[in-house]
Protein backbone atom coordinates (compact mmCIF):
# COMPACT_ATOMS: atom_id res chain seq x y z
CA MET A 1 10.16 20.47 -14.57
CA GLU A 2 12.28 18.42 -12.16
CA ARG A 3 10.80 17.25 -8.92
CA ILE A 4 11.93 18.60 -5.60
CA VAL A 5 12.68 15.69 -3.26
CA TYR A 6 13.55 15.40 0.42
CA VAL A 7 16.83 13.92 1.67
CA ASN A 8 17.75 14.05 5.36
CA GLY A 9 16.26 17.44 6.08
CA ASN A 10 17.05 19.08 2.76
CA PHE A 11 14.94 19.80 -0.30
CA VAL A 12 16.89 19.27 -3.52
CA ASN A 13 16.28 18.72 -7.22
CA GLU A 14 15.79 15.04 -7.97
CA ASN A 15 18.94 14.83 -10.10
CA GLU A 16 21.00 16.14 -7.17
CA ALA A 17 19.67 13.70 -4.57
CA LYS A 18 22.31 11.27 -3.30
CA VAL A 19 22.40 8.37 -0.84
CA SER A 20 25.54 6.53 0.25
CA ILE A 21 26.57 3.26 -1.39
CA PHE A 22 26.86 1.93 2.18
CA ASP A 23 23.28 2.73 3.12
CA ARG A 24 21.61 -0.35 4.62
CA ALA A 25 18.53 0.18 2.44
CA LEU A 26 20.75 -0.54 -0.55
CA LEU A 27 22.72 -3.39 1.03
CA PHE A 28 20.04 -5.23 3.01
CA SER A 29 16.63 -3.64 2.27
CA ASP A 30 16.94 -2.58 5.92
CA ALA A 31 14.33 0.14 5.53
CA VAL A 32 10.63 0.81 5.93
CA TYR A 33 8.32 3.05 3.96
CA GLU A 34 4.89 4.62 3.77
CA VAL A 35 2.88 5.96 0.83
CA THR A 36 0.39 8.70 1.64
CA SER A 37 -2.17 9.73 -0.95
CA VAL A 38 -2.94 13.34 -1.79
CA ILE A 39 -6.34 14.62 -2.94
CA ASN A 40 -7.01 18.31 -3.51
CA GLY A 41 -3.55 19.00 -2.13
CA LYS A 42 -4.33 17.34 1.21
CA LEU A 43 -2.91 14.21 2.82
CA ILE A 44 -5.18 11.18 3.19
CA ASP A 45 -5.10 9.05 6.38
CA PHE A 46 -1.76 10.62 7.39
CA HIS A 47 -1.93 9.87 11.11
CA HIS A 48 -2.79 6.21 10.45
CA HIS A 49 0.29 5.96 8.24
CA MET A 50 2.45 7.40 11.00
CA LYS A 51 1.18 4.86 13.52
CA ARG A 52 2.07 2.05 11.13
CA LEU A 53 5.48 3.59 10.47
CA ASP A 54 6.14 3.54 14.22
CA ARG A 55 5.10 -0.11 14.38
CA SER A 56 7.30 -1.13 11.44
CA MET A 57 10.31 0.60 12.94
CA GLY A 58 9.65 -1.03 16.29
CA GLU A 59 9.30 -4.51 14.81
CA LEU A 60 12.68 -4.08 13.08
CA GLU A 61 14.21 -2.79 16.34
CA PHE A 62 15.08 0.65 15.02
CA PRO A 63 16.42 2.37 18.16
CA LYS A 64 14.08 5.39 18.04
CA LYS A 65 10.99 6.70 16.29
CA LEU A 66 10.66 9.83 14.14
CA ASP A 67 8.77 12.99 15.03
CA HIS A 68 5.40 12.98 13.27
CA ASP A 69 5.10 16.77 13.18
CA THR A 70 8.41 17.02 11.32
CA ILE A 71 7.23 14.42 8.82
CA LEU A 72 3.94 16.25 8.33
CA ARG A 73 5.77 19.51 7.62
CA PHE A 74 8.03 18.07 4.93
CA HIS A 75 5.15 16.13 3.38
CA ARG A 76 3.16 19.33 3.05
CA GLU A 77 6.16 21.21 1.70
CA LEU A 78 6.80 18.51 -0.92
CA VAL A 79 3.16 18.67 -2.00
CA GLU A 80 3.39 22.45 -2.35
CA LYS A 81 6.79 22.55 -4.06
CA ASN A 82 5.74 19.94 -6.63
CA ASN A 83 2.21 21.27 -7.12
CA ILE A 84 0.58 17.95 -6.25
CA THR A 85 -3.20 18.21 -6.28
CA GLU A 86 -3.74 14.47 -6.78
CA GLY A 87 -1.02 11.88 -6.26
CA VAL A 88 1.19 10.44 -3.53
CA VAL A 89 4.08 11.14 -1.20
CA TYR A 90 6.49 8.22 -0.82
CA MET A 91 8.64 8.28 2.33
CA GLN A 92 11.43 5.84 3.21
CA VAL A 93 13.41 5.43 6.41
CA SER A 94 16.54 3.27 6.40
CA ARG A 95 18.63 2.27 9.40
CA GLY A 96 21.35 4.41 7.87
CA VAL A 97 24.93 4.25 6.64
CA ALA A 98 27.36 1.70 8.08
CA GLU A 99 30.08 -0.69 6.98
CA ARG A 100 28.50 -3.81 5.46
CA ASP A 101 27.78 -6.22 8.31
CA PHE A 102 24.75 -8.43 8.95
CA ASN A 103 24.70 -7.31 12.57
CA PHE A 104 22.66 -4.16 13.21
CA PRO A 105 24.94 -1.11 13.62
CA LYS A 106 24.82 0.57 17.02
CA ASP A 107 25.30 4.20 16.09
CA SER A 108 24.13 4.77 12.52
CA LYS A 109 21.96 7.77 11.69
CA TYR A 110 18.72 7.18 9.82
CA THR A 111 18.47 8.03 6.15
CA VAL A 112 15.08 9.68 5.54
CA THR A 113 14.01 10.35 1.97
CA ALA A 114 10.73 11.31 0.32
CA PHE A 115 9.38 12.20 -3.10
CA THR A 116 6.06 12.86 -4.81
CA GLN A 117 4.26 11.36 -7.80
CA HIS A 118 1.33 12.74 -9.76
CA LYS A 119 -1.35 10.03 -10.07
CA LYS A 120 -5.01 9.83 -11.07
CA LEU A 121 -6.47 8.37 -7.92
CA ILE A 122 -10.18 9.07 -8.25
CA GLU A 123 -10.98 8.88 -11.96
CA ASN A 124 -9.08 6.10 -13.74
CA ASP A 125 -9.71 3.07 -15.92
CA ALA A 126 -9.10 0.55 -13.13
CA ALA A 127 -11.80 2.10 -10.97
CA THR A 128 -14.26 2.32 -13.87
CA LYS A 129 -13.66 -1.01 -15.59
CA GLY A 130 -12.08 -3.14 -12.87
CA ILE A 131 -8.87 -5.15 -12.92
CA LYS A 132 -7.87 -8.73 -13.76
CA ILE A 133 -6.02 -10.83 -11.18
CA LEU A 134 -3.64 -13.77 -11.65
CA LEU A 135 -3.19 -16.17 -8.72
CA LEU A 136 0.38 -17.15 -7.79
CA GLU A 137 2.10 -18.92 -4.94
CA ASP A 138 3.11 -16.68 -2.04
CA LEU A 139 6.88 -17.10 -1.65
CA ARG A 140 7.58 -14.09 0.57
CA TRP A 141 9.16 -14.15 4.02
CA LYS A 142 6.83 -14.58 7.00
CA ARG A 143 6.89 -10.99 8.29
CA CYS A 144 4.65 -9.46 5.66
CA ASP A 145 3.06 -7.37 8.44
CA ILE A 146 6.13 -5.08 8.43
CA LYS A 147 6.12 -2.52 5.62
CA THR A 148 9.70 -2.98 4.48
CA THR A 149 11.35 -2.17 1.16
CA GLN A 150 11.96 -5.91 0.66
CA LEU A 151 9.65 -6.07 -2.37
CA LEU A 152 11.43 -8.18 -4.97
CA TYR A 153 8.97 -11.09 -4.94
CA PRO A 154 5.87 -8.86 -5.14
CA SER A 155 7.55 -7.06 -8.03
CA PHE A 156 8.26 -10.42 -9.69
CA ALA A 157 4.64 -11.52 -9.16
CA LYS A 158 3.14 -8.36 -10.62
CA SER A 159 5.52 -8.43 -13.60
CA LYS A 160 4.55 -12.04 -14.28
CA ALA A 161 0.86 -11.17 -14.09
CA VAL A 162 1.22 -8.22 -16.47
CA ALA A 163 3.23 -10.34 -18.91
CA LYS A 164 0.29 -12.77 -19.03
CA GLY A 165 -2.26 -10.02 -19.71
CA TYR A 166 -3.43 -9.42 -16.13
CA ASP A 167 -3.23 -6.25 -14.05
CA ASP A 168 -1.97 -7.68 -10.78
CA ALA A 169 -1.51 -10.87 -8.76
CA TRP A 170 -3.01 -12.27 -5.59
CA MET A 171 -0.79 -14.67 -3.67
CA ILE A 172 -1.76 -18.02 -2.16
CA ARG A 173 -0.18 -19.69 0.88
CA GLN A 174 -1.30 -23.10 2.16
CA GLY A 175 -4.48 -22.98 0.09
CA TYR A 176 -5.64 -19.51 1.11
CA ILE A 177 -5.27 -16.17 -0.62
CA THR A 178 -3.16 -13.82 1.47
CA GLU A 179 -3.06 -10.48 -0.38
CA GLY A 180 -2.06 -8.72 -3.57
CA THR A 181 1.40 -7.54 -4.54
CA SER A 182 0.74 -4.12 -2.98
CA ASN A 183 -2.86 -4.31 -1.80
CA ASN A 184 -5.29 -6.20 0.40
CA ALA A 185 -7.65 -8.76 -1.17
CA TRP A 186 -11.43 -8.87 -0.61
CA ILE A 187 -14.43 -10.82 -1.85
CA ILE A 188 -18.17 -10.44 -1.34
CA ARG A 189 -20.47 -13.45 -1.05
CA ARG A 190 -24.21 -13.19 -0.44
CA GLY A 191 -23.84 -9.62 0.85
CA THR A 192 -21.01 -10.39 3.29
CA ILE A 193 -17.62 -8.75 2.77
CA ILE A 194 -14.74 -11.13 3.43
CA THR A 195 -11.05 -10.36 3.94
CA ARG A 196 -8.27 -12.29 5.59
CA GLN A 197 -7.66 -11.78 9.28
CA THR A 198 -4.59 -9.69 10.11
CA ASP A 199 -1.53 -11.70 11.06
CA ASN A 200 2.14 -11.87 10.12
CA LEU A 201 1.32 -13.02 6.57
CA ILE A 202 -0.36 -9.81 5.36
CA LEU A 203 0.13 -6.10 5.76
CA SER A 204 -2.57 -4.41 7.80
CA GLY A 205 -3.50 -1.83 5.19
CA ILE A 206 -4.43 1.69 6.23
CA THR A 207 -7.10 1.88 3.52
CA ARG A 208 -8.25 -1.58 4.66
CA GLN A 209 -8.90 -0.22 8.17
CA VAL A 210 -10.90 2.77 6.91
CA VAL A 211 -12.89 0.59 4.47
CA ILE A 212 -13.86 -1.65 7.38
CA GLU A 213 -15.12 1.44 9.23
CA THR A 214 -16.95 2.55 6.08
CA ALA A 215 -18.63 -0.85 5.71
CA GLU A 216 -19.76 -0.78 9.32
CA GLU A 217 -21.24 2.69 8.83
CA LEU A 218 -23.16 1.31 5.82
CA LYS A 219 -24.44 -1.57 8.00
CA LEU A 220 -22.59 -4.14 5.89
CA ARG A 221 -21.27 -7.32 7.48
CA VAL A 222 -17.50 -7.95 7.39
CA ASP A 223 -16.01 -11.38 8.10
CA PHE A 224 -12.30 -11.72 8.83
CA LYS A 225 -11.18 -15.09 7.54
CA GLY A 226 -9.14 -16.65 4.81
CA PHE A 227 -10.71 -17.63 1.50
CA THR A 228 -9.62 -20.12 -1.12
CA GLN A 229 -9.13 -19.77 -4.86
CA GLN A 230 -12.45 -21.51 -5.46
CA GLU A 231 -14.28 -19.21 -3.05
CA ALA A 232 -12.71 -16.17 -4.73
CA GLN A 233 -13.69 -17.33 -8.20
CA ASP A 234 -17.22 -18.12 -7.04
CA ALA A 235 -17.63 -14.73 -5.33
CA ASP A 236 -20.37 -12.28 -6.23
CA GLU A 237 -17.87 -9.42 -6.19
CA ALA A 238 -14.18 -8.87 -5.47
CA PHE A 239 -11.96 -5.86 -4.95
CA ILE A 240 -8.60 -4.61 -3.71
CA THR A 241 -7.71 -1.79 -1.33
CA SER A 242 -4.55 0.26 -0.94
CA ALA A 243 -3.46 3.86 -0.45
CA THR A 244 -3.22 4.45 -4.20
CA THR A 245 -6.10 2.29 -5.47
CA PHE A 246 -8.61 3.10 -2.68
CA VAL A 247 -11.33 0.51 -3.43
CA THR A 248 -10.82 -0.94 -6.92
CA PRO A 249 -13.05 -3.68 -8.35
CA VAL A 250 -11.69 -7.04 -9.47
CA VAL A 251 -13.61 -8.36 -12.48
CA LYS A 252 -11.57 -11.45 -13.34
CA ILE A 253 -9.56 -13.99 -11.33
CA ASN A 254 -7.48 -16.31 -13.48
CA GLU A 255 -9.91 -17.34 -16.25
CA ARG A 256 -13.12 -16.72 -14.26
CA ASN A 257 -15.12 -13.50 -14.61
CA ILE A 258 -16.39 -11.98 -11.37
CA SER A 259 -19.69 -10.08 -11.21
CA GLY A 260 -20.22 -10.70 -14.90
CA GLY A 261 -16.92 -9.02 -15.68
CA GLN A 262 -18.19 -5.68 -14.38
CA PRO A 263 -17.59 -3.75 -11.13
CA GLY A 264 -20.10 -4.81 -8.48
CA LYS A 265 -22.66 -2.60 -6.77
CA ILE A 266 -21.34 -3.02 -3.22
CA THR A 267 -17.78 -2.39 -4.38
CA LYS A 268 -18.88 0.85 -6.06
CA LEU A 269 -20.72 1.89 -2.90
CA LEU A 270 -17.67 1.22 -0.73
CA ARG A 271 -15.40 3.18 -3.07
CA GLU A 272 -17.71 6.21 -3.16
CA ASN A 273 -18.11 6.28 0.60
CA TYR A 274 -14.43 5.65 1.30
CA ILE A 275 -13.40 8.58 -0.91
CA LYS A 276 -15.98 10.80 0.79
CA LYS A 277 -14.77 9.78 4.24
CA ALA A 278 -11.09 10.12 3.35
CA THR A 279 -11.40 13.55 1.76
CA ASN A 280 -13.48 14.85 4.67
CA THR A 281 -10.71 13.90 7.12
CA ALA A 282 -7.71 14.84 4.95
CA ILE A 283 -5.20 17.32 6.39
């Protein structure tokens, strides 16, 4: 069965969806996006995603924001039309169609598209067994805090990691780990959870924010600071967070096993409590 997708206010079969060759998402990656998870047919952390969408559009000087209620309606309709009980809704907003010019167009109309994917978010091998991480140099631009579609280097990094037998990559800039290719990076040392402070070199993850709240509710200490490769490899536990992975344990970094090569106890606790919190607040 073909998916029903959303294109500028219309729901169409995926093989009928079309975007102009002059769309700035295609020509310049002049677009932002959000991925909202779905559990039991409900949207996870939706309002947080909308706040970040507004920020991304503002940082790129998009002339106006989008109406959140409209977005919520077509998200829910996509979930229903595609019978998504567990998976994601991907939404993208480009500056629109204009003649190719590096200067921002003054009067283009946004291109808004969205589609769904079925995914096993709660029960999957990565959550049960953990993932292996390869460390690579961070060669991205310096506005990683904006959730743009400019993802070629993260795609390159993940492909390189998979080719070497790993599941994903964490990136290093000036001696400190920044983040993963599509996730935030965390370690645990002597009971303290450590993740990099938010700045222009990482994306402030929505799941990251809720996991911080979850940790505080569990009376766990969280430190916001950079950590080195050595500190990561010497950690008691490690994990990643993102909208599609929730809290997923890291059991190997380069050639070093973490937590004996098994998911750690605190990581498991965080995952369980995050899922409980997220599903209780889903809409």
